[in-house]
Amino acid sequence: MKSDFSTWLNDIIDRAKILDIRYPIKGTYVWYPYGHKLRARILKRIRTLLDDSGHDEALFPLLIPEDEFMKEAIHVKGFEEEVYWVTHGGLTELNVKLAIRPTSETAIYPMFALWIRSHADLPLRVYQIVNTFRYETKATRPLIRLREITTFKEAHTAHSTYEDAEKQVQTAIEIYKEFFDGLGIPYVVSKRPEWDKFPGADYTMAFDTVLPDGRTLQIGTVHNLGSTFARTFDIMFENPAGEQEYAYQTCYGISDRVVASILAVHGDDKGLSLMPDVAPFQCVVVPILFKGKEEIVREAVSDAVSHLEGVRVHVDTSESTPGSKFHKWEMKGVPLRVEIGPRDAASNSAVLVRRDCGEKKTVKLSELKQEVKTVLDSITGDMKKSAAKEFRLWFSDAESLDDAQAALKEKGGIIRTVWCGEKSCGLEIEEVLGATLLGTNGEKPEGNCVNCSGEGKEVLLIAKSY
């Protein structure tokens, strides 16, 4: 898996029926039902977190008029090479071209200008989960680099003060921490360098994880937009003194890359290994049938399923051999397998097999519900600990560019070093190492800049990134 992660990912996405990559448009894919169930479980988690923290789900149009899209020059420049344009309605050429959203600021903020009138309307917090389109010119990769991002969760907020917007940034970071922690996806949070922030933002905070090939993957971003878009789209409110002020805004998003990180971080050479909370099926029951003993096994299977109310269960009644069934469901990442053969049926018991570590345990059918719950909880905790332990191994400290280059070449992962904070120096580091500055992590530096030997002002994270 680690030696050829790209091949592993493409292979398992197909074999586990996550995506069908054969759709005849580059960078666009079809979700299989099994993959869509996984996606839905993940989105349920983020919806709950957002709903519980004062956000309301909304839905804005896919198409954005060119005049609205072009209003924010810095934002447009950040996306101008990636936009798909609608130029005709049937055979009729449109008077105004329509952008197919690469992201939705320019679709949402004209509506914010209509919705917000008074300080009583603030704060405003909405989110949507939609597809977005970007004409990606680099090599596309399923779930990682797409032309149609099918799982784009974007939240947008407006506030009466910059301080309140700052608090919302911290709230968003905490929401994402809880989200990724629940999925067992380890991460670093860093402030992106000035030249790599979201177009139009005051600054960008980003979440990155490390995939098995040692490259980092950006899995979430949080942006403080200041009043940039408010000034562009006239998002104003009347303050308590009766004066008109511009609102302050934030936005934050995740995408299909969350699914990629779940597959990659927890997977192994056998295939997927899914966390119980998001797995389409939490356990699969495999009847082991012998001639003349079929009925007693089927009755025991039915009894077992009756004890598993509240657990997402699938019974594999296919004609495949038990070994083939074991292999199939291990590959698809089902957290727990329940085996029932004639001897198990005769003793009113079943064998539980964990996907994450292969551990087996025989339990009585009458105790099955509690045992399954206990084992699933144990799997959740152990998978989180294993992923966190593996993640810590990806970090290396570097006191020189030679040290950083050697670490990137030998194992990849994330290099931690010291930086003076100057853009010219940062760009030179990127060029010399052929890597990306993930950004700064807020730690107090010790020593001098890794490149220019000037005063160290920031602890810098560097990586080869997707």
Protein backbone atom coordinates (compact mmCIF):
# COMPACT_ATOMS: atom_id res chain seq x y z
CA MET A 1 0.00 0.00 0.00
CA LYS A 2 2.68 2.50 1.00
CA SER A 3 4.97 1.51 -1.87
CA ASP A 4 2.31 2.29 -4.48
CA PHE A 5 -0.42 4.20 -2.73
CA SER A 6 -1.86 5.77 -5.89
CA THR A 7 -2.48 2.34 -7.45
CA TRP A 8 -3.92 1.05 -4.15
CA LEU A 9 -6.37 3.95 -3.88
CA ASN A 10 -7.62 3.64 -7.45
CA ASP A 11 -7.93 -0.11 -7.06
CA ILE A 12 -9.80 -0.07 -3.76
CA ILE A 13 -12.18 2.70 -4.85
CA ASP A 14 -13.21 0.37 -7.69
CA ARG A 15 -13.17 -3.00 -5.90
CA ALA A 16 -14.95 -1.74 -2.78
CA LYS A 17 -17.57 -0.06 -4.97
CA ILE A 18 -16.98 3.47 -3.71
CA LEU A 19 -16.80 5.24 -7.08
CA ASP A 20 -17.19 4.18 -10.69
CA ILE A 21 -14.46 6.13 -12.46
CA ARG A 22 -15.59 5.19 -15.99
CA TYR A 23 -17.87 8.19 -16.53
CA PRO A 24 -16.88 9.72 -19.90
CA ILE A 25 -15.82 13.15 -18.61
CA LYS A 26 -12.36 13.54 -17.11
CA GLY A 27 -12.36 14.28 -13.40
CA THR A 28 -16.03 13.33 -12.84
CA TYR A 29 -17.15 10.10 -11.19
CA VAL A 30 -20.26 8.18 -10.13
CA TRP A 31 -20.93 7.20 -6.53
CA TYR A 32 -21.86 3.55 -6.18
CA PRO A 33 -24.62 2.87 -3.61
CA TYR A 34 -22.07 1.51 -1.10
CA GLY A 35 -19.85 4.56 -1.50
CA HIS A 36 -22.86 6.85 -1.32
CA LYS A 37 -23.90 5.27 2.00
CA LEU A 38 -20.42 5.99 3.38
CA ARG A 39 -20.61 9.56 2.08
CA ALA A 40 -24.05 10.04 3.67
CA ARG A 41 -22.81 8.83 7.07
CA ILE A 42 -19.90 11.30 6.93
CA LEU A 43 -22.17 14.18 5.95
CA LYS A 44 -24.57 13.29 8.77
CA ARG A 45 -21.74 13.94 11.22
CA ILE A 46 -20.87 17.38 9.86
CA ARG A 47 -24.54 18.38 9.53
CA THR A 48 -25.13 17.54 13.19
CA LEU A 49 -22.11 19.54 14.31
CA LEU A 50 -23.13 22.58 12.26
CA ASP A 51 -26.81 22.41 13.21
CA ASP A 52 -25.93 22.11 16.89
CA SER A 53 -23.66 25.17 16.73
CA GLY A 54 -26.20 27.62 15.33
CA HIS A 55 -25.87 27.09 11.57
CA ASP A 56 -28.83 26.74 9.21
CA GLU A 57 -28.68 24.67 6.05
CA ALA A 58 -29.63 26.50 2.86
CA LEU A 59 -29.31 25.95 -0.88
CA PHE A 60 -28.10 28.52 -3.41
CA PRO A 61 -28.12 28.33 -7.23
CA LEU A 62 -25.46 26.55 -9.25
CA LEU A 63 -25.25 29.34 -11.84
CA ILE A 64 -23.72 32.75 -11.12
CA PRO A 65 -24.17 35.73 -13.50
CA GLU A 66 -20.88 36.94 -14.92
CA ASP A 67 -21.37 40.47 -13.61
CA GLU A 68 -21.79 39.18 -10.05
CA PHE A 69 -18.92 36.74 -10.37
CA MET A 70 -16.56 39.41 -11.70
CA LYS A 71 -17.24 41.92 -8.91
CA GLU A 72 -14.52 40.72 -6.55
CA ALA A 73 -11.31 41.05 -8.60
CA ILE A 74 -8.96 39.19 -6.24
CA HIS A 75 -11.42 36.34 -5.83
CA VAL A 76 -11.98 36.06 -9.58
CA LYS A 77 -8.26 36.04 -10.29
CA GLY A 78 -7.90 33.06 -7.94
CA PHE A 79 -10.39 31.04 -9.96
CA GLU A 80 -10.32 32.53 -13.47
CA GLU A 81 -8.52 29.57 -15.06
CA GLU A 82 -10.85 27.04 -13.44
CA VAL A 83 -14.33 28.38 -14.23
CA TYR A 84 -16.79 26.58 -16.49
CA TRP A 85 -19.06 29.01 -18.35
CA VAL A 86 -22.58 28.55 -19.71
CA THR A 87 -22.88 30.64 -22.87
CA HIS A 88 -26.08 29.33 -24.49
CA GLY A 89 -29.63 28.46 -23.48
CA GLY A 90 -30.53 25.88 -26.09
CA LEU A 91 -29.49 27.50 -29.38
CA THR A 92 -29.76 31.05 -28.05
CA GLU A 93 -26.62 32.87 -26.98
CA LEU A 94 -27.05 34.35 -23.52
CA ASN A 95 -26.77 38.09 -22.97
CA VAL A 96 -24.87 37.43 -19.74
CA LYS A 97 -22.59 34.42 -19.37
CA LEU A 98 -23.24 32.22 -16.37
CA ALA A 99 -20.41 30.78 -14.28
CA ILE A 100 -20.92 27.27 -12.90
CA ARG A 101 -19.91 27.73 -9.27
CA PRO A 102 -16.29 26.87 -8.43
CA THR A 103 -17.26 28.05 -4.92
CA SER A 104 -20.28 30.06 -3.89
CA GLU A 105 -19.22 33.40 -2.39
CA THR A 106 -20.42 35.34 -5.43
CA ALA A 107 -23.73 33.45 -5.44
CA ILE A 108 -24.43 33.78 -1.72
CA TYR A 109 -23.26 37.29 -0.88
CA PRO A 110 -25.65 39.21 -3.15
CA MET A 111 -28.40 37.47 -1.16
CA PHE A 112 -26.73 38.36 2.15
CA ALA A 113 -26.96 42.00 1.03
CA LEU A 114 -30.74 41.55 0.75
CA TRP A 115 -31.19 39.55 3.94
CA ILE A 116 -29.13 41.74 6.29
CA ARG A 117 -30.57 45.09 7.30
CA SER A 118 -29.93 45.53 11.01
CA HIS A 119 -27.49 44.41 13.69
CA ALA A 120 -30.43 42.28 14.90
CA ASP A 121 -29.98 40.12 11.77
CA LEU A 122 -26.45 39.24 12.87
CA PRO A 123 -24.71 36.94 13.29
CA LEU A 124 -25.93 35.04 10.23
CA ARG A 125 -24.64 31.48 9.77
CA VAL A 126 -25.65 29.29 6.83
CA TYR A 127 -24.15 26.29 5.07
CA GLN A 128 -24.85 24.14 2.05
CA ILE A 129 -23.62 20.78 0.77
CA VAL A 130 -23.47 20.88 -3.02
CA ASN A 131 -21.42 20.03 -6.06
CA THR A 132 -18.93 22.55 -7.46
CA PHE A 133 -17.04 22.57 -10.74
CA ARG A 134 -13.44 23.53 -11.42
CA TYR A 135 -11.60 23.04 -14.68
CA GLU A 136 -8.68 21.23 -13.10
CA THR A 137 -5.78 21.14 -15.56
CA LYS A 138 -3.47 18.95 -13.49
CA ALA A 139 -3.75 15.16 -13.44
CA THR A 140 -7.12 14.33 -11.89
CA ARG A 141 -7.41 11.76 -9.09
CA PRO A 142 -10.61 10.22 -7.72
CA LEU A 143 -11.68 12.00 -4.50
CA ILE A 144 -8.48 14.11 -4.42
CA ARG A 145 -8.31 16.26 -7.55
CA LEU A 146 -11.61 16.59 -9.36
CA ARG A 147 -13.41 18.63 -11.97
CA GLU A 148 -16.74 18.00 -10.27
CA ILE A 149 -16.46 18.15 -6.48
CA THR A 150 -19.62 16.31 -5.45
CA THR A 151 -19.27 16.68 -1.68
CA PHE A 152 -18.59 20.36 -1.13
CA LYS A 153 -19.69 21.59 2.30
CA GLU A 154 -19.33 25.35 2.56
CA ALA A 155 -20.41 27.48 5.51
CA HIS A 156 -20.75 31.25 5.29
CA THR A 157 -21.23 33.66 8.18
CA ALA A 158 -21.68 37.41 8.68
CA HIS A 159 -21.00 39.40 11.86
CA SER A 160 -21.28 42.91 13.23
CA THR A 161 -17.65 43.15 14.41
CA TYR A 162 -14.28 41.84 13.38
CA GLU A 163 -13.88 40.36 16.87
CA ASP A 164 -17.05 38.33 16.45
CA ALA A 165 -15.82 37.07 13.08
CA GLU A 166 -12.53 36.07 14.76
CA LYS A 167 -14.49 34.10 17.36
CA GLN A 168 -16.36 32.37 14.53
CA VAL A 169 -13.06 31.32 12.96
CA GLN A 170 -12.08 29.68 16.24
CA THR A 171 -15.51 28.05 16.51
CA ALA A 172 -15.17 26.68 12.98
CA ILE A 173 -11.74 25.27 13.81
CA GLU A 174 -13.19 23.55 16.89
CA ILE A 175 -16.08 22.14 14.82
CA TYR A 176 -13.61 20.67 12.33
CA LYS A 177 -11.42 19.30 15.10
CA GLU A 178 -14.40 17.47 16.58
CA PHE A 179 -15.39 16.27 13.10
CA PHE A 180 -11.98 14.88 12.16
CA ASP A 181 -11.33 13.51 15.66
CA GLY A 182 -14.59 11.58 15.42
CA LEU A 183 -13.47 10.09 12.11
CA GLY A 184 -10.07 9.16 13.51
CA ILE A 185 -8.31 11.39 10.96
CA PRO A 186 -5.19 13.00 12.52
CA TYR A 187 -4.26 16.47 11.29
CA VAL A 188 -2.23 19.60 11.71
CA VAL A 189 -3.78 23.06 11.69
CA SER A 190 -1.68 25.83 10.15
CA LYS A 191 -2.05 29.39 8.95
CA ARG A 192 -1.41 29.40 5.22
CA PRO A 193 1.25 31.81 3.93
CA GLU A 194 0.00 35.06 2.46
CA TRP A 195 0.46 33.91 -1.14
CA ASP A 196 -1.49 30.70 -0.59
CA LYS A 197 -4.56 32.03 1.25
CA PHE A 198 -8.10 31.89 -0.14
CA PRO A 199 -8.55 34.65 -2.76
CA GLY A 200 -10.08 37.67 -1.03
CA ALA A 201 -9.52 36.44 2.54
CA ASP A 202 -7.64 38.24 5.30
CA TYR A 203 -6.09 34.88 6.16
CA THR A 204 -6.68 31.14 5.81
CA MET A 205 -6.38 28.35 8.37
CA ALA A 206 -6.07 24.83 6.97
CA PHE A 207 -6.27 21.23 8.15
CA ASP A 208 -3.83 18.75 6.59
CA THR A 209 -3.34 15.03 7.09
CA VAL A 210 -0.63 12.72 5.72
CA LEU A 211 -1.44 9.92 3.29
CA PRO A 212 0.50 6.62 3.20
CA ASP A 213 2.84 7.84 0.45
CA GLY A 214 4.10 10.63 2.71
CA ARG A 215 2.31 13.45 0.90
CA THR A 216 -0.05 15.78 2.74
CA LEU A 217 -3.65 16.31 1.77
CA GLN A 218 -5.56 19.47 2.64
CA ILE A 219 -8.86 18.27 4.12
CA GLY A 220 -10.45 21.46 5.45
CA THR A 221 -10.07 25.23 5.37
CA VAL A 222 -11.34 28.15 7.46
CA HIS A 223 -11.14 31.71 6.13
CA ASN A 224 -11.50 35.08 7.81
CA LEU A 225 -12.80 37.28 5.00
CA GLY A 226 -12.76 40.56 6.92
CA SER A 227 -15.02 43.05 5.16
CA THR A 228 -13.62 42.44 1.64
CA PHE A 229 -16.71 40.77 0.19
CA ALA A 230 -19.08 42.92 2.25
CA ARG A 231 -17.67 46.03 0.58
CA THR A 232 -17.91 44.40 -2.85
CA PHE A 233 -21.49 43.20 -2.47
CA ASP A 234 -22.77 46.02 -0.20
CA ILE A 235 -23.49 43.79 2.77
CA MET A 236 -24.32 46.48 5.31
CA PHE A 237 -26.29 46.73 8.53
CA GLU A 238 -27.62 49.47 10.77
CA ASN A 239 -25.79 49.49 14.11
CA PRO A 240 -27.52 50.37 17.43
CA ALA A 241 -26.57 54.04 16.89
CA GLY A 242 -28.44 54.08 13.58
CA GLU A 243 -25.27 54.18 11.46
CA GLN A 244 -24.56 51.97 8.44
CA GLU A 245 -21.59 49.59 8.71
CA TYR A 246 -20.13 46.83 6.57
CA ALA A 247 -20.44 43.30 7.91
CA TYR A 248 -17.47 41.04 8.66
CA GLN A 249 -17.48 37.54 7.23
CA THR A 250 -16.01 34.06 7.45
CA CYS A 251 -16.35 30.93 5.37
CA TYR A 252 -15.11 27.36 5.78
CA GLY A 253 -15.30 24.19 3.74
CA ILE A 254 -14.56 20.50 3.31
CA SER A 255 -14.85 18.28 0.24
CA ASP A 256 -14.60 14.74 -1.17
CA ARG A 257 -11.06 14.72 0.22
CA VAL A 258 -12.54 13.81 3.61
CA VAL A 259 -13.67 10.51 2.09
CA ALA A 260 -10.21 9.99 0.54
CA SER A 261 -8.55 10.56 3.92
CA ILE A 262 -10.82 8.01 5.63
CA LEU A 263 -10.01 5.38 3.01
CA ALA A 264 -6.29 6.11 3.06
CA VAL A 265 -5.54 6.67 6.74
CA HIS A 266 -7.31 3.55 8.00
CA GLY A 267 -6.89 1.24 4.99
CA ASP A 268 -4.30 -1.52 4.64
CA ASP A 269 -3.15 -4.20 2.20
CA LYS A 270 -6.43 -6.09 2.68
CA GLY A 271 -8.47 -3.06 1.62
CA LEU A 272 -10.62 -0.61 3.54
CA SER A 273 -11.04 -0.50 7.29
CA LEU A 274 -13.95 1.75 8.15
CA MET A 275 -14.78 3.42 11.45
CA PRO A 276 -17.99 1.92 12.91
CA ASP A 277 -19.78 5.28 13.03
CA VAL A 278 -19.54 5.89 9.27
CA ALA A 279 -19.38 2.34 7.88
CA PRO A 280 -22.40 1.54 5.66
CA PHE A 281 -22.63 -1.77 7.54
CA GLN A 282 -21.23 -2.04 11.05
CA CYS A 283 -21.23 -5.81 10.95
CA VAL A 284 -21.79 -8.53 8.37
CA VAL A 285 -23.26 -11.89 9.33
CA VAL A 286 -21.80 -14.78 7.36
CA PRO A 287 -23.70 -18.09 7.57
CA ILE A 288 -21.38 -21.09 7.15
CA LEU A 289 -23.59 -23.76 5.65
CA PHE A 290 -22.97 -27.50 5.54
CA LYS A 291 -25.19 -30.00 3.78
CA GLY A 292 -27.92 -31.18 6.07
CA LYS A 293 -27.22 -28.42 8.61
CA GLU A 294 -28.59 -25.46 6.62
CA GLU A 295 -31.78 -24.96 8.62
CA ILE A 296 -30.18 -24.87 12.05
CA VAL A 297 -27.66 -22.29 10.81
CA ARG A 298 -30.36 -20.14 9.20
CA GLU A 299 -32.39 -20.16 12.41
CA ALA A 300 -29.32 -19.12 14.41
CA VAL A 301 -28.61 -16.31 11.91
CA SER A 302 -32.18 -15.07 12.24
CA ASP A 303 -31.84 -15.19 16.03
CA ALA A 304 -28.55 -13.27 15.84
CA VAL A 305 -30.04 -10.53 13.67
CA SER A 306 -32.96 -10.15 16.09
CA HIS A 307 -30.42 -9.42 18.84
CA LEU A 308 -28.72 -6.70 16.77
CA GLU A 309 -31.47 -4.11 16.64
CA GLY A 310 -29.93 -0.65 16.28
CA VAL A 311 -26.81 -2.00 14.57
CA ARG A 312 -26.39 -1.65 10.78
CA VAL A 313 -26.28 -5.33 9.80
CA HIS A 314 -25.91 -7.09 6.48
CA VAL A 315 -26.46 -10.85 6.10
CA ASP A 316 -24.45 -12.35 3.25
CA THR A 317 -26.73 -15.00 1.76
CA SER A 318 -24.83 -15.21 -1.53
CA GLU A 319 -23.66 -18.53 -3.01
CA SER A 320 -19.98 -17.64 -2.56
CA THR A 321 -17.73 -19.72 -0.33
CA PRO A 322 -17.21 -18.55 3.27
CA GLY A 323 -13.59 -17.67 2.43
CA SER A 324 -14.67 -15.49 -0.48
CA LYS A 325 -17.21 -13.75 1.73
CA PHE A 326 -14.60 -13.12 4.41
CA HIS A 327 -12.25 -11.61 1.83
CA LYS A 328 -14.98 -9.46 0.25
CA TRP A 329 -16.16 -7.85 3.46
CA GLU A 330 -12.66 -7.34 4.80
CA MET A 331 -11.85 -5.56 1.55
CA LYS A 332 -14.98 -3.38 1.86
CA GLY A 333 -13.94 -2.42 5.39
CA VAL A 334 -16.89 -3.69 7.46
CA PRO A 335 -15.69 -3.28 11.08
CA LEU A 336 -17.02 -6.57 12.46
CA ARG A 337 -17.79 -9.99 11.02
CA VAL A 338 -20.21 -12.41 12.72
CA GLU A 339 -19.62 -16.04 11.71
CA ILE A 340 -22.22 -18.71 12.43
CA GLY A 341 -21.65 -22.35 11.46
CA PRO A 342 -23.35 -25.59 12.56
CA ARG A 343 -21.30 -25.92 15.74
CA ASP A 344 -21.96 -22.29 16.65
CA ALA A 345 -25.67 -22.76 15.99
CA ALA A 346 -25.77 -25.90 18.13
CA SER A 347 -24.26 -23.99 21.05
CA ASN A 348 -26.35 -20.84 20.44
CA SER A 349 -23.21 -18.81 19.85
CA ALA A 350 -21.35 -16.88 17.15
CA VAL A 351 -17.76 -15.91 16.38
CA LEU A 352 -16.94 -12.18 16.19
CA VAL A 353 -13.97 -11.17 14.04
CA ARG A 354 -12.59 -7.62 14.12
CA ARG A 355 -11.57 -6.07 10.80
CA ASP A 356 -8.95 -3.75 12.29
CA CYS A 357 -6.81 -6.37 14.04
CA GLY A 358 -8.31 -9.78 13.16
CA GLU A 359 -9.05 -10.64 16.79
CA LYS A 360 -11.69 -13.37 17.24
CA LYS A 361 -14.14 -13.92 20.07
CA THR A 362 -16.92 -16.47 20.65
CA VAL A 363 -20.09 -15.10 22.30
CA LYS A 364 -23.51 -16.39 23.19
CA LEU A 365 -26.33 -15.18 20.95
CA SER A 366 -28.20 -13.93 24.01
CA GLU A 367 -25.23 -11.68 24.80
CA LEU A 368 -24.59 -10.66 21.20
CA LYS A 369 -26.05 -7.13 21.28
CA GLN A 370 -23.96 -5.96 24.22
CA GLU A 371 -20.83 -7.73 22.99
CA VAL A 372 -21.14 -6.21 19.52
CA LYS A 373 -21.59 -2.75 20.99
CA THR A 374 -18.56 -3.24 23.24
CA VAL A 375 -16.41 -4.51 20.40
CA LEU A 376 -17.48 -1.69 18.04
CA ASP A 377 -16.60 0.86 20.73
CA SER A 378 -13.22 -0.84 21.18
CA ILE A 379 -12.60 -0.79 17.42
CA THR A 380 -13.37 2.94 17.33
CA GLY A 381 -10.93 3.73 20.11
CA ASP A 382 -8.17 1.48 18.80
CA MET A 383 -8.43 2.80 15.24
CA LYS A 384 -8.12 6.37 16.49
CA LYS A 385 -5.07 5.50 18.60
CA SER A 386 -3.42 3.60 15.73
CA ALA A 387 -3.94 6.47 13.26
CA ALA A 388 -2.62 9.03 15.74
CA LYS A 389 0.47 6.91 16.47
CA GLU A 390 1.20 6.52 12.76
CA PHE A 391 0.70 10.24 12.18
CA ARG A 392 3.27 11.22 14.81
CA LEU A 393 5.89 9.25 12.91
CA TRP A 394 5.52 11.51 9.89
CA PHE A 395 7.10 14.56 11.59
CA SER A 396 10.77 15.53 11.24
CA ASP A 397 12.65 18.56 12.57
CA ALA A 398 15.13 20.31 10.28
CA GLU A 399 17.79 22.88 11.15
CA SER A 400 18.92 23.31 7.53
CA LEU A 401 17.53 22.96 4.03
CA ASP A 402 19.77 19.93 3.56
CA ASP A 403 18.13 18.30 6.59
CA ALA A 404 14.70 19.13 5.20
CA GLN A 405 15.57 17.81 1.74
CA ALA A 406 16.91 14.56 3.17
CA ALA A 407 13.82 14.01 5.34
CA LEU A 408 11.46 14.69 2.45
CA LYS A 409 13.36 12.25 0.26
CA GLU A 410 13.76 9.50 2.84
CA LYS A 411 10.27 9.38 4.33
CA GLY A 412 8.18 12.39 3.31
CA GLY A 413 5.67 13.63 5.84
CA ILE A 414 5.84 17.03 7.51
CA ILE A 415 9.03 18.97 8.15
CA ARG A 416 9.04 21.33 11.13
CA THR A 417 11.55 24.18 10.98
CA VAL A 418 12.09 27.92 11.62
CA TRP A 419 11.27 30.76 9.22
CA CYS A 420 11.85 34.50 9.21
CA GLY A 421 8.34 35.12 7.85
CA GLU A 422 9.46 36.94 4.69
CA LYS A 423 7.61 36.02 1.49
CA SER A 424 10.72 36.05 -0.71
CA CYS A 425 12.44 33.67 1.67
CA GLY A 426 9.40 31.39 1.85
CA LEU A 427 9.10 31.19 -1.93
CA GLU A 428 12.80 30.35 -2.15
CA ILE A 429 12.34 27.52 0.37
CA GLU A 430 9.51 26.11 -1.75
CA GLU A 431 11.62 26.30 -4.90
CA VAL A 432 14.73 24.73 -3.38
CA LEU A 433 12.84 21.86 -1.74
CA GLY A 434 10.24 21.38 -4.45
CA ALA A 435 7.70 21.32 -1.63
CA THR A 436 4.82 23.36 -0.23
CA LEU A 437 4.82 25.62 2.81
CA LEU A 438 1.78 24.39 4.70
CA GLY A 439 2.12 27.44 6.88
CA THR A 440 2.82 28.36 10.46
CA ASN A 441 1.45 26.65 13.55
CA GLY A 442 1.59 29.45 16.13
CA GLU A 443 4.46 27.94 18.14
CA LYS A 444 7.28 30.14 19.38
CA PRO A 445 10.42 29.47 17.30
CA GLU A 446 13.89 28.74 18.61
CA GLY A 447 16.82 29.59 16.37
CA ASN A 448 17.26 31.29 13.03
CA CYS A 449 15.53 30.97 9.66
CA VAL A 450 16.31 27.68 7.92
CA ASN A 451 17.03 29.52 4.68
CA CYS A 452 18.41 33.03 5.22
CA SER A 453 19.66 32.58 8.83
CA GLY A 454 17.75 35.72 9.81
CA GLU A 455 15.79 36.05 13.00
CA GLY A 456 13.35 33.17 13.37
CA LYS A 457 9.80 34.48 13.76
CA GLU A 458 7.64 31.46 12.94
CA VAL A 459 7.62 27.67 13.25
CA LEU A 460 7.06 26.55 9.68
CA LEU A 461 5.55 23.29 8.40
CA ILE A 462 6.72 22.02 5.00
CA ALA A 463 5.57 19.02 2.98
CA LYS A 464 5.14 17.47 -0.44
CA SER A 465 1.43 17.98 -1.02
CA TYR A 466 -1.37 16.92 -3.29
